[in-house]
PDB file of N, CA and C in Angstrom:
ATOM      1  N   MET A   1     -23.030  -9.280 -35.630  1.00  0.00           N
ATOM      2  CA  MET A   1     -23.225  -8.266 -35.399  1.00  0.00           C
ATOM      3  C   MET A   1     -24.816  -8.257 -36.452  1.00  0.00           C
ATOM      4  N   THR A   2     -25.460  -7.642 -35.917  1.00  0.00           N
ATOM      5  CA  THR A   2     -26.876  -7.224 -36.524  1.00  0.00           C
ATOM      6  C   THR A   2     -27.099  -5.885 -36.769  1.00  0.00           C
ATOM      7  N   ILE A   3     -27.251  -5.137 -38.226  1.00  0.00           N
ATOM      8  CA  ILE A   3     -27.493  -3.583 -37.884  1.00  0.00           C
ATOM      9  C   ILE A   3     -29.137  -3.237 -37.884  1.00  0.00           C
ATOM     10  N   GLN A   4     -29.028  -2.534 -37.145  1.00  0.00           N
ATOM     11  CA  GLN A   4     -30.689  -1.937 -36.926  1.00  0.00           C
ATOM     12  C   GLN A   4     -31.099  -1.560 -38.069  1.00  0.00           C
ATOM     13  N   PRO A   5     -32.483  -1.017 -38.706  1.00  0.00           N
ATOM     14  CA  PRO A   5     -32.939  -0.574 -39.446  1.00  0.00           C
ATOM     15  C   PRO A   5     -32.569   1.131 -39.223  1.00  0.00           C
ATOM     16  N   ILE A   6     -32.381   1.776 -40.569  1.00  0.00           N
ATOM     17  CA  ILE A   6     -32.575   3.298 -39.871  1.00  0.00           C
ATOM     18  C   ILE A   6     -34.073   3.939 -40.400  1.00  0.00           C
ATOM     19  N   GLU A   7     -34.538   4.141 -38.423  1.00  0.00           N
ATOM     20  CA  GLU A   7     -35.586   4.176 -38.446  1.00  0.00           C
ATOM     21  C   GLU A   7     -35.968   5.587 -39.440  1.00  0.00           C
ATOM     22  N   LEU A   8     -36.969   5.647 -40.634  1.00  0.00           N
ATOM     23  CA  LEU A   8     -37.540   6.418 -41.388  1.00  0.00           C
ATOM     24  C   LEU A   8     -38.701   7.868 -40.642  1.00  0.00           C
ATOM     25  N   LEU A   9     -39.174   7.282 -39.801  1.00  0.00           N
ATOM     26  CA  LEU A   9     -40.199   7.954 -39.023  1.00  0.00           C
ATOM     27  C   LEU A   9     -39.859   8.376 -37.688  1.00  0.00           C
ATOM     28  N   GLY A  10     -40.259   9.238 -37.240  1.00  0.00           N
ATOM     29  CA  GLY A  10     -39.917   9.423 -35.306  1.00  0.00           C
ATOM     30  C   GLY A  10     -38.883  10.528 -34.955  1.00  0.00           C
ATOM     31  N   GLY A  11     -38.672  10.907 -34.091  1.00  0.00           N
ATOM     32  CA  GLY A  11     -37.446  11.574 -33.912  1.00  0.00           C
ATOM     33  C   GLY A  11     -37.639  13.284 -34.064  1.00  0.00           C
ATOM     34  N   GLU A  12     -36.792  14.000 -34.055  1.00  0.00           N
ATOM     35  CA  GLU A  12     -37.105  15.606 -34.450  1.00  0.00           C
ATOM     36  C   GLU A  12     -37.061  15.766 -36.152  1.00  0.00           C
ATOM     37  N   SER A  13     -37.777  16.698 -36.140  1.00  0.00           N
ATOM     38  CA  SER A  13     -38.228  16.764 -38.042  1.00  0.00           C
ATOM     39  C   SER A  13     -36.452  18.074 -38.244  1.00  0.00           C
ATOM     40  N   VAL A  14     -35.917  17.419 -39.120  1.00  0.00           N
ATOM     41  CA  VAL A  14     -34.696  18.170 -39.542  1.00  0.00           C
ATOM     42  C   VAL A  14     -34.988  18.454 -40.917  1.00  0.00           C
ATOM     43  N   TYR A  15     -35.328  17.942 -42.289  1.00  0.00           N
ATOM     44  CA  TYR A  15     -35.571  18.143 -43.219  1.00  0.00           C
ATOM     45  C   TYR A  15     -37.229  18.323 -43.281  1.00  0.00           C
ATOM     46  N   CYS A  16     -38.161  19.466 -43.953  1.00  0.00           N
ATOM     47  CA  CYS A  16     -39.095  19.388 -44.453  1.00  0.00           C
ATOM     48  C   CYS A  16     -39.717  19.332 -45.806  1.00  0.00           C
ATOM     49  N   ILE A  17     -40.521  18.352 -46.172  1.00  0.00           N
ATOM     50  CA  ILE A  17     -41.089  18.074 -47.977  1.00  0.00           C
ATOM     51  C   ILE A  17     -42.548  18.283 -47.872  1.00  0.00           C
ATOM     52  N   ASN A  18     -43.143  19.252 -48.161  1.00  0.00           N
ATOM     53  CA  ASN A  18     -44.530  19.559 -48.447  1.00  0.00           C
ATOM     54  C   ASN A  18     -45.003  18.704 -49.285  1.00  0.00           C
ATOM     55  N   GLU A  19     -46.097  18.362 -49.271  1.00  0.00           N
ATOM     56  CA  GLU A  19     -46.709  17.709 -50.326  1.00  0.00           C
ATOM     57  C   GLU A  19     -47.043  17.710 -51.407  1.00  0.00           C
ATOM     58  N   ASP A  20     -46.877  19.476 -51.961  1.00  0.00           N
ATOM     59  CA  ASP A  20     -46.427  19.369 -53.644  1.00  0.00           C
ATOM     60  C   ASP A  20     -45.486  19.290 -53.830  1.00  0.00           C
ATOM     61  N   GLN A  21     -44.739  19.446 -52.995  1.00  0.00           N
ATOM     62  CA  GLN A  21     -43.263  18.543 -53.612  1.00  0.00           C
ATOM     63  C   GLN A  21     -43.290  17.188 -53.730  1.00  0.00           C
ATOM     64  N   LEU A  22     -43.572  16.652 -52.994  1.00  0.00           N
ATOM     65  CA  LEU A  22     -43.681  15.172 -52.853  1.00  0.00           C
ATOM     66  C   LEU A  22     -44.327  15.088 -54.514  1.00  0.00           C
ATOM     67  N   LYS A  23     -45.517  15.517 -54.728  1.00  0.00           N
ATOM     68  CA  LYS A  23     -46.250  15.480 -55.923  1.00  0.00           C
ATOM     69  C   LYS A  23     -45.609  15.533 -57.187  1.00  0.00           C
ATOM     70  N   THR A  24     -44.973  16.786 -56.814  1.00  0.00           N
ATOM     71  CA  THR A  24     -44.378  16.928 -58.076  1.00  0.00           C
ATOM     72  C   THR A  24     -43.129  16.010 -58.693  1.00  0.00           C
ATOM     73  N   ALA A  25     -42.496  15.748 -57.056  1.00  0.00           N
ATOM     74  CA  ALA A  25     -41.615  14.638 -57.483  1.00  0.00           C
ATOM     75  C   ALA A  25     -41.769  13.223 -58.079  1.00  0.00           C
ATOM     76  N   PHE A  26     -43.444  13.154 -57.280  1.00  0.00           N
ATOM     77  CA  PHE A  26     -43.945  11.636 -58.026  1.00  0.00           C
ATOM     78  C   PHE A  26     -44.260  11.827 -59.426  1.00  0.00           C
ATOM     79  N   GLN A  27     -44.796  12.641 -60.013  1.00  0.00           N
ATOM     80  CA  GLN A  27     -45.156  13.227 -60.950  1.00  0.00           C
ATOM     81  C   GLN A  27     -44.107  12.616 -62.003  1.00  0.00           C
ATOM     82  N   MET A  28     -42.841  13.287 -61.604  1.00  0.00           N
ATOM     83  CA  MET A  28     -41.076  13.318 -62.542  1.00  0.00           C
ATOM     84  C   MET A  28     -41.150  12.228 -62.851  1.00  0.00           C
ATOM     85  N   ALA A  29     -41.079  11.301 -61.660  1.00  0.00           N
ATOM     86  CA  ALA A  29     -40.423   9.844 -61.371  1.00  0.00           C
ATOM     87  C   ALA A  29     -41.467   8.385 -62.336  1.00  0.00           C
ATOM     88  N   HIS A  30     -42.423   9.626 -62.330  1.00  0.00           N
ATOM     89  CA  HIS A  30     -43.313   8.139 -63.150  1.00  0.00           C
ATOM     90  C   HIS A  30     -44.085   8.789 -64.532  1.00  0.00           C
ATOM     91  N   ASP A  31     -44.285  10.167 -64.542  1.00  0.00           N
ATOM     92  CA  ASP A  31     -44.998  10.951 -65.963  1.00  0.00           C
ATOM     93  C   ASP A  31     -44.370  11.381 -66.661  1.00  0.00           C
ATOM     94  N   ASP A  32     -43.073  12.146 -66.357  1.00  0.00           N
ATOM     95  CA  ASP A  32     -42.271  12.890 -67.053  1.00  0.00           C
ATOM     96  C   ASP A  32     -41.498  12.049 -68.446  1.00  0.00           C
ATOM     97  N   PRO A  33     -41.810  12.293 -69.631  1.00  0.00           N
ATOM     98  CA  PRO A  33     -41.873  11.466 -70.356  1.00  0.00           C
ATOM     99  C   PRO A  33     -39.760  11.437 -70.674  1.00  0.00           C
ATOM    100  N   ASP A  34     -39.354  12.628 -70.363  1.00  0.00           N
ATOM    101  CA  ASP A  34     -37.743  12.368 -70.418  1.00  0.00           C
ATOM    102  C   ASP A  34     -36.879  11.850 -69.132  1.00  0.00           C
ATOM    103  N   ALA A  35     -37.719  12.720 -67.904  1.00  0.00           N
ATOM    104  CA  ALA A  35     -36.753  12.204 -66.678  1.00  0.00           C
ATOM    105  C   ALA A  35     -37.335  10.667 -65.789  1.00  0.00           C
ATOM    106  N   SER A  36     -38.645  10.262 -66.173  1.00  0.00           N
ATOM    107  CA  SER A  36     -38.901   9.271 -65.429  1.00  0.00           C
ATOM    108  C   SER A  36     -38.116   8.022 -66.208  1.00  0.00           C
ATOM    109  N   PRO A  37     -38.154   8.170 -67.149  1.00  0.00           N
ATOM    110  CA  PRO A  37     -37.414   6.477 -67.590  1.00  0.00           C
ATOM    111  C   PRO A  37     -35.620   6.561 -66.993  1.00  0.00           C
ATOM    112  N   ARG A  38     -34.856   7.882 -66.747  1.00  0.00           N
ATOM    113  CA  ARG A  38     -33.666   7.774 -66.137  1.00  0.00           C
ATOM    114  C   ARG A  38     -33.880   7.421 -64.769  1.00  0.00           C
ATOM    115  N   ILE A  39     -34.881   8.007 -64.228  1.00  0.00           N
ATOM    116  CA  ILE A  39     -35.191   8.105 -62.835  1.00  0.00           C
ATOM    117  C   ILE A  39     -35.665   6.623 -62.149  1.00  0.00           C
ATOM    118  N   GLN A  40     -36.475   5.920 -63.130  1.00  0.00           N
ATOM    119  CA  GLN A  40     -36.879   4.677 -62.470  1.00  0.00           C
ATOM    120  C   GLN A  40     -35.721   3.818 -62.960  1.00  0.00           C
ATOM    121  N   ASP A  41     -34.361   4.122 -63.931  1.00  0.00           N
ATOM    122  CA  ASP A  41     -33.436   3.102 -63.983  1.00  0.00           C
ATOM    123  C   ASP A  41     -32.658   3.204 -63.133  1.00  0.00           C
ATOM    124  N   GLN A  42     -32.658   4.411 -62.493  1.00  0.00           N
ATOM    125  CA  GLN A  42     -31.646   4.497 -61.501  1.00  0.00           C
ATOM    126  C   GLN A  42     -32.524   3.991 -60.014  1.00  0.00           C
ATOM    127  N   ILE A  43     -33.589   4.169 -59.907  1.00  0.00           N
ATOM    128  CA  ILE A  43     -33.991   3.947 -58.972  1.00  0.00           C
ATOM    129  C   ILE A  43     -33.853   1.775 -59.016  1.00  0.00           C
ATOM    130  N   LYS A  44     -34.378   1.350 -60.147  1.00  0.00           N
ATOM    131  CA  LYS A  44     -33.975  -0.014 -59.989  1.00  0.00           C
ATOM    132  C   LYS A  44     -32.284  -0.303 -59.779  1.00  0.00           C
ATOM    133  N   LYS A  45     -31.851   0.364 -60.460  1.00  0.00           N
ATOM    134  CA  LYS A  45     -29.990  -0.024 -60.189  1.00  0.00           C
ATOM    135  C   LYS A  45     -30.070  -0.025 -58.224  1.00  0.00           C
ATOM    136  N   LEU A  46     -30.723   0.947 -57.647  1.00  0.00           N
ATOM    137  CA  LEU A  46     -30.115   1.419 -56.209  1.00  0.00           C
ATOM    138  C   LEU A  46     -30.423   0.218 -55.274  1.00  0.00           C
ATOM    139  N   GLU A  47     -32.080   0.017 -55.613  1.00  0.00           N
ATOM    140  CA  GLU A  47     -32.692  -1.311 -54.740  1.00  0.00           C
ATOM    141  C   GLU A  47     -32.211  -2.575 -54.966  1.00  0.00           C
ATOM    142  N   THR A  48     -31.373  -2.774 -56.222  1.00  0.00           N
ATOM    143  CA  THR A  48     -30.764  -4.027 -56.384  1.00  0.00           C
ATOM    144  C   THR A  48     -29.224  -3.695 -55.848  1.00  0.00           C
ATOM    145  N   ALA A  49     -28.541  -2.627 -56.238  1.00  0.00           N
ATOM    146  CA  ALA A  49     -27.103  -2.510 -55.364  1.00  0.00           C
ATOM    147  C   ALA A  49     -27.274  -2.229 -53.823  1.00  0.00           C
ATOM    148  N   LEU A  50     -28.158  -1.923 -53.429  1.00  0.00           N
ATOM    149  CA  LEU A  50     -28.079  -1.255 -52.071  1.00  0.00           C
ATOM    150  C   LEU A  50     -29.022  -1.737 -51.078  1.00  0.00           C
ATOM    151  N   THR A  51     -28.866  -2.012 -49.864  1.00  0.00           N
ATOM    152  CA  THR A  51     -29.787  -2.235 -48.666  1.00  0.00           C
ATOM    153  C   THR A  51     -30.528  -1.320 -48.316  1.00  0.00           C
ATOM    154  N   ARG A  52     -31.603  -1.521 -47.762  1.00  0.00           N
ATOM    155  CA  ARG A  52     -32.572  -0.864 -47.185  1.00  0.00           C
ATOM    156  C   ARG A  52     -31.808   0.473 -46.361  1.00  0.00           C
ATOM    157  N   ASN A  53     -30.861   0.493 -45.605  1.00  0.00           N
ATOM    158  CA  ASN A  53     -30.269   1.384 -44.848  1.00  0.00           C
ATOM    159  C   ASN A  53     -29.304   2.205 -45.473  1.00  0.00           C
ATOM    160  N   GLU A  54     -28.749   1.244 -46.579  1.00  0.00           N
ATOM    161  CA  GLU A  54     -28.033   2.080 -47.467  1.00  0.00           C
ATOM    162  C   GLU A  54     -28.842   3.029 -48.431  1.00  0.00           C
ATOM    163  N   ARG A  55     -29.637   2.803 -48.851  1.00  0.00           N
ATOM    164  CA  ARG A  55     -30.699   3.550 -49.497  1.00  0.00           C
ATOM    165  C   ARG A  55     -31.261   4.550 -48.849  1.00  0.00           C
ATOM    166  N   ALA A  56     -31.860   4.376 -47.700  1.00  0.00           N
ATOM    167  CA  ALA A  56     -32.134   5.508 -46.551  1.00  0.00           C
ATOM    168  C   ALA A  56     -31.113   6.498 -46.291  1.00  0.00           C
ATOM    169  N   ALA A  57     -30.058   6.284 -45.972  1.00  0.00           N
ATOM    170  CA  ALA A  57     -28.606   7.194 -45.968  1.00  0.00           C
ATOM    171  C   ALA A  57     -28.370   8.004 -47.526  1.00  0.00           C
ATOM    172  N   LEU A  58     -28.373   7.131 -48.731  1.00  0.00           N
ATOM    173  CA  LEU A  58     -28.427   7.743 -49.840  1.00  0.00           C
ATOM    174  C   LEU A  58     -29.333   9.068 -49.674  1.00  0.00           C
ATOM    175  N   ALA A  59     -30.923   8.593 -49.516  1.00  0.00           N
ATOM    176  CA  ALA A  59     -31.873   9.516 -49.622  1.00  0.00           C
ATOM    177  C   ALA A  59     -31.413  11.137 -48.696  1.00  0.00           C
ATOM    178  N   PHE A  60     -31.218  10.726 -47.596  1.00  0.00           N
ATOM    179  CA  PHE A  60     -30.754  11.572 -46.502  1.00  0.00           C
ATOM    180  C   PHE A  60     -29.826  12.524 -47.168  1.00  0.00           C
ATOM    181  N   VAL A  61     -28.667  12.208 -47.566  1.00  0.00           N
ATOM    182  CA  VAL A  61     -27.655  12.920 -47.906  1.00  0.00           C
ATOM    183  C   VAL A  61     -27.965  13.613 -49.138  1.00  0.00           C
ATOM    184  N   LEU A  62     -28.444  12.715 -50.541  1.00  0.00           N
ATOM    185  CA  LEU A  62     -28.593  13.564 -51.165  1.00  0.00           C
ATOM    186  C   LEU A  62     -29.341  14.698 -50.748  1.00  0.00           C
ATOM    187  N   ILE A  63     -30.709  14.703 -50.386  1.00  0.00           N
ATOM    188  CA  ILE A  63     -31.245  16.010 -49.832  1.00  0.00           C
ATOM    189  C   ILE A  63     -30.738  16.839 -49.287  1.00  0.00           C
ATOM    190  N   ASP A  64     -29.794  16.172 -48.196  1.00  0.00           N
ATOM    191  CA  ASP A  64     -28.964  17.396 -47.412  1.00  0.00           C
ATOM    192  C   ASP A  64     -28.368  18.420 -48.537  1.00  0.00           C
ATOM    193  N   ARG A  65     -27.586  17.525 -49.827  1.00  0.00           N
ATOM    194  CA  ARG A  65     -26.919  18.123 -50.475  1.00  0.00           C
ATOM    195  C   ARG A  65     -27.314  19.304 -51.518  1.00  0.00           C
ATOM    196  N   LEU A  66     -29.206  18.855 -51.790  1.00  0.00           N
ATOM    197  CA  LEU A  66     -29.461  19.449 -52.589  1.00  0.00           C
ATOM    198  C   LEU A  66     -29.567  20.447 -51.922  1.00  0.00           C
ATOM    199  N   LEU A  67     -29.978  20.502 -50.393  1.00  0.00           N
ATOM    200  CA  LEU A  67     -30.695  21.887 -49.547  1.00  0.00           C
ATOM    201  C   LEU A  67     -28.872  22.812 -49.785  1.00  0.00           C
ATOM    202  N   LYS A  68     -28.068  22.437 -49.841  1.00  0.00           N
ATOM    203  CA  LYS A  68     -27.033  22.736 -49.870  1.00  0.00           C
ATOM    204  C   LYS A  68     -26.099  23.640 -51.054  1.00  0.00           C
ATOM    205  N   SER A  69     -26.609  23.391 -52.173  1.00  0.00           N
ATOM    206  CA  SER A  69     -25.931  23.360 -53.036  1.00  0.00           C
ATOM    207  C   SER A  69     -27.144  24.667 -53.901  1.00  0.00           C
ATOM    208  N   PRO A  70     -26.748  25.326 -54.620  1.00  0.00           N
ATOM    209  CA  PRO A  70     -27.637  26.209 -55.142  1.00  0.00           C
ATOM    210  C   PRO A  70     -28.528  25.879 -55.781  1.00  0.00           C
ATOM    211  N   ALA A  71     -29.398  26.340 -56.518  1.00  0.00           N
ATOM    212  CA  ALA A  71     -30.534  26.093 -57.093  1.00  0.00           C
ATOM    213  C   ALA A  71     -30.457  26.346 -58.732  1.00  0.00           C
ATOM    214  N   ASP A  72     -29.279  26.754 -59.177  1.00  0.00           N
ATOM    215  CA  ASP A  72     -29.148  27.562 -60.193  1.00  0.00           C
ATOM    216  C   ASP A  72     -27.778  26.150 -60.690  1.00  0.00           C
ATOM    217  N   ALA A  73     -27.172  25.852 -59.485  1.00  0.00           N
ATOM    218  CA  ALA A  73     -26.260  24.910 -60.377  1.00  0.00           C
ATOM    219  C   ALA A  73     -26.550  23.449 -61.222  1.00  0.00           C
ATOM    220  N   GLU A  74     -27.930  23.235 -61.649  1.00  0.00           N
ATOM    221  CA  GLU A  74     -28.356  22.331 -62.538  1.00  0.00           C
ATOM    222  C   GLU A  74     -27.618  22.366 -63.761  1.00  0.00           C
TER     223      GLU A  74
END
């Protein structure tokens, strides 16, 4: 049985990420002296340990959990 890739484009929109949020996320992941090394380390681990579909599923679940958790819970 072949598992089809999770389609990342198309379909109805569920979550909206604006350009500023994406830009800020990339800056944090690549330029922030404290956060960037931790983020890059986790990305490398996930890309090694999980398939593309598993990474897509994780991304969607993380976004959903972030939306449902209070912002002050950091």
